Amino acid sequence: MLPWQRWSASLFGVVAVVSVLLAASTVWLFLTSPVTVANAINDGDVSPLVRTLAESLFTALREILRYL
């Protein structure tokens, strides 16, 4: 196996995991905080949406690490 093939498989795995985490967090945000999502879409300002998404990811990561 060539060295770049190992890197590409590893990179693909990291991108896949990050994509799944972002998608799951976005769905969770739509379900738990629809007002924030609606205001962000209505105003065209995504900073509250990104802030809330980052907070939910941080909370999930903290709870996972606490569980382990």
PDB file of N, CA and C in Angstrom:
ATOM      1  N   MET A   1       0.851  -1.174   0.000  1.00  0.00           N
ATOM      2  CA  MET A   1       0.000   0.000   0.000  1.00  0.00           C
ATOM      3  C   MET A   1       0.897   1.238   0.000  1.00  0.00           C
ATOM      4  N   LEU A   2       0.571   2.172  -0.832  1.00  0.00           N
ATOM      5  CA  LEU A   2       1.337   3.411  -0.914  1.00  0.00           C
ATOM      6  C   LEU A   2       1.030   4.311   0.281  1.00  0.00           C
ATOM      7  N   PRO A   3       2.000   5.126   0.697  1.00  0.00           N
ATOM      8  CA  PRO A   3       1.771   5.994   1.871  1.00  0.00           C
ATOM      9  C   PRO A   3       0.610   6.964   1.689  1.00  0.00           C
ATOM     10  N   TRP A   4       0.412   7.494   0.497  1.00  0.00           N
ATOM     11  CA  TRP A   4      -0.669   8.456   0.298  1.00  0.00           C
ATOM     12  C   TRP A   4      -2.030   7.777   0.373  1.00  0.00           C
ATOM     13  N   GLN A   5      -2.096   6.488   0.089  1.00  0.00           N
ATOM     14  CA  GLN A   5      -3.366   5.776   0.192  1.00  0.00           C
ATOM     15  C   GLN A   5      -3.785   5.655   1.663  1.00  0.00           C
ATOM     16  N   ARG A   6      -2.826   5.449   2.520  1.00  0.00           N
ATOM     17  CA  ARG A   6      -3.133   5.376   3.949  1.00  0.00           C
ATOM     18  C   ARG A   6      -3.629   6.738   4.439  1.00  0.00           C
ATOM     19  N   TRP A   7      -2.979   7.807   3.975  1.00  0.00           N
ATOM     20  CA  TRP A   7      -3.382   9.159   4.355  1.00  0.00           C
ATOM     21  C   TRP A   7      -4.780   9.475   3.846  1.00  0.00           C
ATOM     22  N   SER A   8      -5.076   9.075   2.614  1.00  0.00           N
ATOM     23  CA  SER A   8      -6.383   9.408   2.048  1.00  0.00           C
ATOM     24  C   SER A   8      -7.500   8.688   2.800  1.00  0.00           C
ATOM     25  N   ALA A   9      -7.275   7.437   3.195  1.00  0.00           N
ATOM     26  CA  ALA A   9      -8.285   6.702   3.963  1.00  0.00           C
ATOM     27  C   ALA A   9      -8.479   7.341   5.331  1.00  0.00           C
ATOM     28  N   SER A  10      -7.388   7.746   5.951  1.00  0.00           N
ATOM     29  CA  SER A  10      -7.472   8.389   7.257  1.00  0.00           C
ATOM     30  C   SER A  10      -8.169   9.746   7.147  1.00  0.00           C
ATOM     31  N   LEU A  11      -7.823  10.516   6.150  1.00  0.00           N
ATOM     32  CA  LEU A  11      -8.446  11.817   5.938  1.00  0.00           C
ATOM     33  C   LEU A  11      -9.935  11.671   5.658  1.00  0.00           C
ATOM     34  N   PHE A  12     -10.296  10.674   4.849  1.00  0.00           N
ATOM     35  CA  PHE A  12     -11.698  10.427   4.565  1.00  0.00           C
ATOM     36  C   PHE A  12     -12.461  10.091   5.843  1.00  0.00           C
ATOM     37  N   GLY A  13     -11.869   9.305   6.711  1.00  0.00           N
ATOM     38  CA  GLY A  13     -12.517   8.949   7.970  1.00  0.00           C
ATOM     39  C   GLY A  13     -12.739  10.159   8.855  1.00  0.00           C
ATOM     40  N   VAL A  14     -11.751  11.041   8.936  1.00  0.00           N
ATOM     41  CA  VAL A  14     -11.881  12.246   9.755  1.00  0.00           C
ATOM     42  C   VAL A  14     -12.962  13.152   9.194  1.00  0.00           C
ATOM     43  N   VAL A  15     -12.966  13.343   7.878  1.00  0.00           N
ATOM     44  CA  VAL A  15     -13.982  14.190   7.251  1.00  0.00           C
ATOM     45  C   VAL A  15     -15.372  13.599   7.452  1.00  0.00           C
ATOM     46  N   ALA A  16     -15.488  12.291   7.343  1.00  0.00           N
ATOM     47  CA  ALA A  16     -16.783  11.643   7.535  1.00  0.00           C
ATOM     48  C   ALA A  16     -17.288  11.821   8.968  1.00  0.00           C
ATOM     49  N   VAL A  17     -16.421  11.653   9.941  1.00  0.00           N
ATOM     50  CA  VAL A  17     -16.830  11.797  11.342  1.00  0.00           C
ATOM     51  C   VAL A  17     -17.236  13.237  11.634  1.00  0.00           C
ATOM     52  N   VAL A  18     -16.469  14.199  11.152  1.00  0.00           N
ATOM     53  CA  VAL A  18     -16.799  15.604  11.377  1.00  0.00           C
ATOM     54  C   VAL A  18     -18.116  15.958  10.698  1.00  0.00           C
ATOM     55  N   SER A  19     -18.344  15.449   9.496  1.00  0.00           N
ATOM     56  CA  SER A  19     -19.596  15.722   8.790  1.00  0.00           C
ATOM     57  C   SER A  19     -20.797  15.151   9.533  1.00  0.00           C
ATOM     58  N   VAL A  20     -20.660  13.958  10.042  1.00  0.00           N
ATOM     59  CA  VAL A  20     -21.756  13.336  10.786  1.00  0.00           C
ATOM     60  C   VAL A  20     -22.036  14.109  12.074  1.00  0.00           C
ATOM     61  N   LEU A  21     -20.982  14.534  12.756  1.00  0.00           N
ATOM     62  CA  LEU A  21     -21.174  15.305  13.988  1.00  0.00           C
ATOM     63  C   LEU A  21     -21.857  16.640  13.711  1.00  0.00           C
ATOM     64  N   LEU A  22     -21.444  17.329  12.668  1.00  0.00           N
ATOM     65  CA  LEU A  22     -22.080  18.603  12.333  1.00  0.00           C
ATOM     66  C   LEU A  22     -23.533  18.416  11.908  1.00  0.00           C
ATOM     67  N   ALA A  23     -23.805  17.389  11.130  1.00  0.00           N
ATOM     68  CA  ALA A  23     -25.175  17.139  10.701  1.00  0.00           C
ATOM     69  C   ALA A  23     -26.072  16.794  11.891  1.00  0.00           C
ATOM     70  N   ALA A  24     -25.587  15.944  12.772  1.00  0.00           N
ATOM     71  CA  ALA A  24     -26.375  15.571  13.947  1.00  0.00           C
ATOM     72  C   ALA A  24     -26.588  16.774  14.865  1.00  0.00           C
ATOM     73  N   SER A  25     -25.576  17.592  15.017  1.00  0.00           N
ATOM     74  CA  SER A  25     -25.712  18.784  15.859  1.00  0.00           C
ATOM     75  C   SER A  25     -26.683  19.780  15.256  1.00  0.00           C
ATOM     76  N   THR A  26     -26.667  19.913  13.949  1.00  0.00           N
ATOM     77  CA  THR A  26     -27.591  20.831  13.289  1.00  0.00           C
ATOM     78  C   THR A  26     -29.036  20.360  13.448  1.00  0.00           C
ATOM     79  N   VAL A  27     -29.265  19.079  13.282  1.00  0.00           N
ATOM     80  CA  VAL A  27     -30.618  18.541  13.488  1.00  0.00           C
ATOM     81  C   VAL A  27     -31.043  18.729  14.935  1.00  0.00           C
ATOM     82  N   TRP A  28     -30.137  18.466  15.861  1.00  0.00           N
ATOM     83  CA  TRP A  28     -30.442  18.661  17.283  1.00  0.00           C
ATOM     84  C   TRP A  28     -30.786  20.116  17.557  1.00  0.00           C
ATOM     85  N   LEU A  29     -30.057  21.028  16.941  1.00  0.00           N
ATOM     86  CA  LEU A  29     -30.312  22.451  17.127  1.00  0.00           C
ATOM     87  C   LEU A  29     -31.672  22.837  16.558  1.00  0.00           C
ATOM     88  N   PHE A  30     -32.030  22.293  15.405  1.00  0.00           N
ATOM     89  CA  PHE A  30     -33.354  22.567  14.830  1.00  0.00           C
ATOM     90  C   PHE A  30     -34.463  22.090  15.750  1.00  0.00           C
ATOM     91  N   LEU A  31     -34.248  20.982  16.435  1.00  0.00           N
ATOM     92  CA  LEU A  31     -35.277  20.428  17.311  1.00  0.00           C
ATOM     93  C   LEU A  31     -35.337  21.123  18.662  1.00  0.00           C
ATOM     94  N   THR A  32     -34.198  21.525  19.200  1.00  0.00           N
ATOM     95  CA  THR A  32     -34.175  22.074  20.550  1.00  0.00           C
ATOM     96  C   THR A  32     -34.251  23.585  20.611  1.00  0.00           C
ATOM     97  N   SER A  33     -33.841  24.257  19.549  1.00  0.00           N
ATOM     98  CA  SER A  33     -33.832  25.711  19.564  1.00  0.00           C
ATOM     99  C   SER A  33     -34.317  26.273  18.226  1.00  0.00           C
ATOM    100  N   PRO A  34     -35.576  26.037  17.895  1.00  0.00           N
ATOM    101  CA  PRO A  34     -36.066  26.492  16.594  1.00  0.00           C
ATOM    102  C   PRO A  34     -36.146  28.013  16.476  1.00  0.00           C
ATOM    103  N   VAL A  35     -36.302  28.712  17.594  1.00  0.00           N
ATOM    104  CA  VAL A  35     -36.381  30.173  17.544  1.00  0.00           C
ATOM    105  C   VAL A  35     -35.038  30.761  17.122  1.00  0.00           C
ATOM    106  N   THR A  36     -33.954  30.222  17.639  1.00  0.00           N
ATOM    107  CA  THR A  36     -32.625  30.697  17.245  1.00  0.00           C
ATOM    108  C   THR A  36     -32.388  30.459  15.760  1.00  0.00           C
ATOM    109  N   VAL A  37     -32.776  29.301  15.282  1.00  0.00           N
ATOM    110  CA  VAL A  37     -32.608  28.986  13.866  1.00  0.00           C
ATOM    111  C   VAL A  37     -33.466  29.909  13.015  1.00  0.00           C
ATOM    112  N   ALA A  38     -34.724  30.111  13.407  1.00  0.00           N
ATOM    113  CA  ALA A  38     -35.613  30.976  12.635  1.00  0.00           C
ATOM    114  C   ALA A  38     -35.117  32.419  12.623  1.00  0.00           C
ATOM    115  N   ASN A  39     -34.662  32.917  13.756  1.00  0.00           N
ATOM    116  CA  ASN A  39     -34.129  34.283  13.800  1.00  0.00           C
ATOM    117  C   ASN A  39     -32.873  34.425  12.959  1.00  0.00           C
ATOM    118  N   ALA A  40     -32.002  33.432  12.990  1.00  0.00           N
ATOM    119  CA  ALA A  40     -30.780  33.490  12.196  1.00  0.00           C
ATOM    120  C   ALA A  40     -31.098  33.489  10.709  1.00  0.00           C
ATOM    121  N   ILE A  41     -32.072  32.703  10.302  1.00  0.00           N
ATOM    122  CA  ILE A  41     -32.449  32.663   8.891  1.00  0.00           C
ATOM    123  C   ILE A  41     -33.155  33.952   8.502  1.00  0.00           C
ATOM    124  N   ASN A  42     -34.029  34.453   9.353  1.00  0.00           N
ATOM    125  CA  ASN A  42     -34.784  35.670   9.056  1.00  0.00           C
ATOM    126  C   ASN A  42     -33.877  36.893   8.967  1.00  0.00           C
ATOM    127  N   ASP A  43     -32.928  37.009   9.903  1.00  0.00           N
ATOM    128  CA  ASP A  43     -32.040  38.167   9.934  1.00  0.00           C
ATOM    129  C   ASP A  43     -30.872  38.028   8.967  1.00  0.00           C
ATOM    130  N   GLY A  44     -30.567  36.831   8.552  1.00  0.00           N
ATOM    131  CA  GLY A  44     -29.425  36.603   7.690  1.00  0.00           C
ATOM    132  C   GLY A  44     -28.113  36.610   8.451  1.00  0.00           C
ATOM    133  N   ASP A  45     -28.181  36.628   9.762  1.00  0.00           N
ATOM    134  CA  ASP A  45     -26.994  36.638  10.606  1.00  0.00           C
ATOM    135  C   ASP A  45     -26.811  35.241  11.182  1.00  0.00           C
ATOM    136  N   VAL A  46     -25.729  34.585  10.814  1.00  0.00           N
ATOM    137  CA  VAL A  46     -25.530  33.208  11.249  1.00  0.00           C
ATOM    138  C   VAL A  46     -24.721  33.097  12.529  1.00  0.00           C
ATOM    139  N   SER A  47     -24.243  34.199  13.067  1.00  0.00           N
ATOM    140  CA  SER A  47     -23.399  34.102  14.264  1.00  0.00           C
ATOM    141  C   SER A  47     -24.144  33.500  15.461  1.00  0.00           C
ATOM    142  N   PRO A  48     -25.413  33.850  15.735  1.00  0.00           N
ATOM    143  CA  PRO A  48     -26.090  33.161  16.851  1.00  0.00           C
ATOM    144  C   PRO A  48     -26.267  31.666  16.582  1.00  0.00           C
ATOM    145  N   LEU A  49     -26.498  31.330  15.329  1.00  0.00           N
ATOM    146  CA  LEU A  49     -26.660  29.927  14.962  1.00  0.00           C
ATOM    147  C   LEU A  49     -25.355  29.167  15.156  1.00  0.00           C
ATOM    148  N   VAL A  50     -24.262  29.747  14.716  1.00  0.00           N
ATOM    149  CA  VAL A  50     -22.953  29.105  14.876  1.00  0.00           C
ATOM    150  C   VAL A  50     -22.574  29.023  16.348  1.00  0.00           C
ATOM    151  N   ARG A  51     -22.870  30.062  17.099  1.00  0.00           N
ATOM    152  CA  ARG A  51     -22.561  30.062  18.529  1.00  0.00           C
ATOM    153  C   ARG A  51     -23.337  28.960  19.240  1.00  0.00           C
ATOM    154  N   THR A  52     -24.620  28.847  18.951  1.00  0.00           N
ATOM    155  CA  THR A  52     -25.444  27.816  19.589  1.00  0.00           C
ATOM    156  C   THR A  52     -25.002  26.423  19.152  1.00  0.00           C
ATOM    157  N   LEU A  53     -24.630  26.282  17.880  1.00  0.00           N
ATOM    158  CA  LEU A  53     -24.141  24.999  17.392  1.00  0.00           C
ATOM    159  C   LEU A  53     -22.839  24.620  18.082  1.00  0.00           C
ATOM    160  N   ALA A  54     -21.944  25.574  18.252  1.00  0.00           N
ATOM    161  CA  ALA A  54     -20.684  25.301  18.946  1.00  0.00           C
ATOM    162  C   ALA A  54     -20.928  24.940  20.408  1.00  0.00           C
ATOM    163  N   GLU A  55     -21.865  25.614  21.048  1.00  0.00           N
ATOM    164  CA  GLU A  55     -22.188  25.288  22.432  1.00  0.00           C
ATOM    165  C   GLU A  55     -22.746  23.875  22.556  1.00  0.00           C
ATOM    166  N   SER A  56     -23.605  23.482  21.608  1.00  0.00           N
ATOM    167  CA  SER A  56     -24.169  22.135  21.683  1.00  0.00           C
ATOM    168  C   SER A  56     -23.096  21.080  21.428  1.00  0.00           C
ATOM    169  N   LEU A  57     -22.170  21.340  20.499  1.00  0.00           N
ATOM    170  CA  LEU A  57     -21.078  20.401  20.269  1.00  0.00           C
ATOM    171  C   LEU A  57     -20.174  20.299  21.491  1.00  0.00           C
ATOM    172  N   PHE A  58     -19.883  21.435  22.113  1.00  0.00           N
ATOM    173  CA  PHE A  58     -19.038  21.433  23.307  1.00  0.00           C
ATOM    174  C   PHE A  58     -19.705  20.677  24.443  1.00  0.00           C
ATOM    175  N   THR A  59     -21.000  20.891  24.623  1.00  0.00           N
ATOM    176  CA  THR A  59     -21.730  20.194  25.676  1.00  0.00           C
ATOM    177  C   THR A  59     -21.745  18.691  25.422  1.00  0.00           C
ATOM    178  N   ALA A  60     -21.974  18.297  24.185  1.00  0.00           N
ATOM    179  CA  ALA A  60     -21.989  16.870  23.855  1.00  0.00           C
ATOM    180  C   ALA A  60     -20.620  16.249  24.093  1.00  0.00           C
ATOM    181  N   LEU A  61     -19.557  16.941  23.679  1.00  0.00           N
ATOM    182  CA  LEU A  61     -18.210  16.414  23.877  1.00  0.00           C
ATOM    183  C   LEU A  61     -17.875  16.318  25.365  1.00  0.00           C
ATOM    184  N   ARG A  62     -18.291  17.311  26.134  1.00  0.00           N
ATOM    185  CA  ARG A  62     -18.043  17.282  27.567  1.00  0.00           C
ATOM    186  C   ARG A  62     -18.764  16.105  28.224  1.00  0.00           C
ATOM    187  N   GLU A  63     -19.997  15.864  27.820  1.00  0.00           N
ATOM    188  CA  GLU A  63     -20.755  14.755  28.399  1.00  0.00           C
ATOM    189  C   GLU A  63     -20.163  13.403  27.984  1.00  0.00           C
ATOM    190  N   ILE A  64     -19.688  13.305  26.763  1.00  0.00           N
ATOM    191  CA  ILE A  64     -19.063  12.052  26.329  1.00  0.00           C
ATOM    192  C   ILE A  64     -17.791  11.800  27.111  1.00  0.00           C
ATOM    193  N   LEU A  65     -16.982  12.832  27.294  1.00  0.00           N
ATOM    194  CA  LEU A  65     -15.748  12.674  28.057  1.00  0.00           C
ATOM    195  C   LEU A  65     -16.032  12.384  29.527  1.00  0.00           C
ATOM    196  N   ARG A  66     -17.075  12.951  30.064  1.00  0.00           N
ATOM    197  CA  ARG A  66     -17.454  12.666  31.449  1.00  0.00           C
ATOM    198  C   ARG A  66     -17.899  11.212  31.592  1.00  0.00           C
ATOM    199  N   TYR A  67     -18.590  10.700  30.571  1.00  0.00           N
ATOM    200  CA  TYR A  67     -19.047   9.331  30.596  1.00  0.00           C
ATOM    201  C   TYR A  67     -17.873   8.345  30.546  1.00  0.00           C
ATOM    202  N   LEU A  68     -16.851   8.703  29.769  1.00  0.00           N
ATOM    203  CA  LEU A  68     -15.695   7.816  29.640  1.00  0.00           C
ATOM    204  C   LEU A  68     -14.839   7.931  30.876  1.00  0.00           C
TER     205      LEU A  68
END
